[in-house]
């Protein structure tokens, strides 16, 4: 059976009250999460790695719009692209297992060890032709 590739919106932002251990990360790239539309159930699936756990939520259109608006308000950025199929999987080092970056890597099928920060993931996805879908850094995140 052929695997269907999902299209994802990958969002990057820095929250208002960021944790002390994330202050060294590049501004606008403190956290990463993902959303994908499921046409069969007419809803959005949102996935985030938070506090060592995996949070999965189903959202309606209005809730999904609120997430994108929130990312824009925080001057974040959203990429759009399809997950990656890499047939040869090699295990990863345990230290990466519980970060938002490692969860997004696994969700997308990306198997690169040296990606630790959301900004490094952003750069890797841009190299894989993920396109900018929303850029809250333009016009200070204001609607045009």
Protein backbone atom coordinates (compact mmCIF):
# COMPACT_ATOMS: atom_id res chain seq x y z
CA UNK A 1 0.00 0.00 0.00
CA UNK A 2 1.37 3.38 -0.98
CA UNK A 3 1.77 5.92 1.81
CA UNK A 4 -0.03 9.22 1.31
CA UNK A 5 2.14 12.22 2.04
CA UNK A 6 0.58 14.83 4.29
CA UNK A 7 0.93 18.55 3.78
CA UNK A 8 1.85 20.42 6.96
CA UNK A 9 1.98 23.97 8.24
CA UNK A 10 5.02 24.22 10.52
CA UNK A 11 4.85 27.24 12.83
CA UNK A 12 7.74 28.89 14.66
CA UNK A 13 7.43 31.61 17.33
CA UNK A 14 8.68 32.96 20.64
CA UNK A 15 5.96 33.10 23.33
CA UNK A 16 5.50 36.13 25.56
CA UNK A 17 6.65 34.29 28.68
CA UNK A 18 9.42 32.09 27.37
CA UNK A 19 11.18 29.70 29.73
CA UNK A 20 14.61 30.68 31.05
CA UNK A 21 16.32 27.80 29.25
CA UNK A 22 15.13 29.06 25.83
CA UNK A 23 16.47 32.62 26.09
CA UNK A 24 19.58 31.74 24.05
CA UNK A 25 17.50 30.61 21.07
CA UNK A 26 17.08 32.86 18.03
CA UNK A 27 14.24 35.37 18.45
CA UNK A 28 11.09 34.14 16.73
CA UNK A 29 12.32 30.54 16.84
CA UNK A 30 11.91 29.46 20.46
CA UNK A 31 9.16 26.92 19.76
CA UNK A 32 7.88 24.87 16.84
CA UNK A 33 4.60 23.06 16.19
CA UNK A 34 2.62 21.73 13.22
CA UNK A 35 -0.89 21.68 11.77
CA UNK A 36 -2.40 19.60 8.97
CA UNK A 37 -5.90 19.65 7.50
CA UNK A 38 -7.86 16.38 7.44
CA UNK A 39 -10.46 16.63 4.64
CA UNK A 40 -12.18 13.38 5.63
CA UNK A 41 -13.18 14.78 9.02
CA UNK A 42 -13.13 18.46 7.97
CA UNK A 43 -10.82 19.47 10.84
CA UNK A 44 -7.25 20.50 11.56
CA UNK A 45 -4.78 18.34 13.47
CA UNK A 46 -2.34 20.33 15.61
CA UNK A 47 0.75 18.65 17.07
CA UNK A 48 3.22 20.20 19.53
CA UNK A 49 5.98 18.88 21.75
CA UNK A 50 5.39 20.57 25.11
CA UNK A 51 7.28 19.96 28.35
CA UNK A 52 8.56 16.56 27.26
CA UNK A 53 5.15 15.37 26.08
CA UNK A 54 3.33 15.25 22.78
CA UNK A 55 0.16 17.34 22.61
CA UNK A 56 -2.29 16.48 19.80
CA UNK A 57 -5.47 18.51 19.27
CA UNK A 58 -8.28 18.57 16.73
CA UNK A 59 -9.28 22.10 15.70
CA UNK A 60 -12.12 23.55 13.67
CA UNK A 61 -11.49 26.28 11.09
CA UNK A 62 -11.92 29.15 13.57
CA UNK A 63 -9.52 27.61 16.10
CA UNK A 64 -6.94 26.97 13.37
CA UNK A 65 -7.25 30.60 12.24
CA UNK A 66 -6.67 31.70 15.84
CA UNK A 67 -3.43 29.69 15.98
CA UNK A 68 -2.13 31.34 12.79
CA UNK A 69 -3.21 34.78 14.06
CA UNK A 70 -1.41 34.12 17.37
CA UNK A 71 1.80 33.13 15.55
CA UNK A 72 1.59 36.30 13.42
CA UNK A 73 0.94 38.44 16.51
CA UNK A 74 4.14 37.08 18.06
CA UNK A 75 6.04 37.87 14.83
CA UNK A 76 6.41 34.18 14.06
CA UNK A 77 6.62 32.41 10.75
CA UNK A 78 4.74 29.47 9.18
CA UNK A 79 6.19 27.12 6.57
CA UNK A 80 4.18 24.87 4.26
CA UNK A 81 5.38 21.56 2.86
CA UNK A 82 4.89 17.81 2.67
CA UNK A 83 6.35 15.26 5.04
CA UNK A 84 9.50 13.49 3.95
CA UNK A 85 9.84 9.81 3.18
CA UNK A 86 13.24 8.41 4.17
CA UNK A 87 13.28 4.61 3.94
CA UNK A 88 16.39 4.01 6.05
CA UNK A 89 15.84 4.95 9.68
CA UNK A 90 18.70 5.12 12.12
CA UNK A 91 18.15 5.57 15.83
CA UNK A 92 18.63 8.97 17.42
CA UNK A 93 20.45 9.91 20.58
CA UNK A 94 18.15 9.90 23.63
CA UNK A 95 18.84 13.57 24.48
CA UNK A 96 16.78 14.67 21.48
CA UNK A 97 13.78 12.53 22.28
CA UNK A 98 11.75 15.06 24.26
CA UNK A 99 12.14 18.41 22.53
CA UNK A 100 9.62 20.15 20.29
CA UNK A 101 12.19 19.92 17.47
CA UNK A 102 12.60 16.14 17.74
CA UNK A 103 8.82 15.64 17.75
CA UNK A 104 8.44 17.73 14.60
CA UNK A 105 11.33 15.89 12.93
CA UNK A 106 9.64 12.55 13.53
CA UNK A 107 6.26 13.88 12.45
CA UNK A 108 7.74 15.01 9.14
CA UNK A 109 10.03 12.00 8.66
CA UNK A 110 13.17 14.14 8.85
CA UNK A 111 16.14 12.17 10.21
CA UNK A 112 18.94 14.65 10.86
CA UNK A 113 20.77 14.33 14.15
CA UNK A 114 22.34 17.79 14.35
CA UNK A 115 19.06 19.70 14.55
CA UNK A 116 18.55 20.89 18.10
CA UNK A 117 16.87 24.31 17.89
CA UNK A 118 13.70 25.44 16.12
CA UNK A 119 15.78 27.77 13.94
CA UNK A 120 18.01 24.90 12.79
CA UNK A 121 14.85 22.96 11.89
CA UNK A 122 13.50 26.00 10.03
CA UNK A 123 16.70 26.24 7.95
CA UNK A 124 16.65 22.50 7.20
CA UNK A 125 13.02 22.66 6.04
CA UNK A 126 13.72 25.67 3.81
CA UNK A 127 16.53 23.64 2.17
CA UNK A 128 13.94 20.92 1.53
CA UNK A 129 11.78 23.45 -0.36
CA UNK A 130 9.24 24.15 2.38
CA UNK A 131 7.72 27.50 1.41
CA UNK A 132 6.85 30.42 3.66
CA UNK A 133 3.09 30.35 4.18
CA UNK A 134 2.76 33.15 6.76
CA UNK A 135 5.46 35.57 7.86
CA UNK A 136 4.48 37.55 10.94
CA UNK A 137 7.81 39.35 10.84
CA UNK A 138 6.52 41.48 7.95
CA UNK A 139 4.58 44.59 9.07
CA UNK A 140 5.21 43.62 12.70
CA UNK A 141 2.61 40.88 12.46
CA UNK A 142 -0.21 43.29 11.64
CA UNK A 143 -2.90 42.33 9.12
CA UNK A 144 -2.61 44.11 5.78
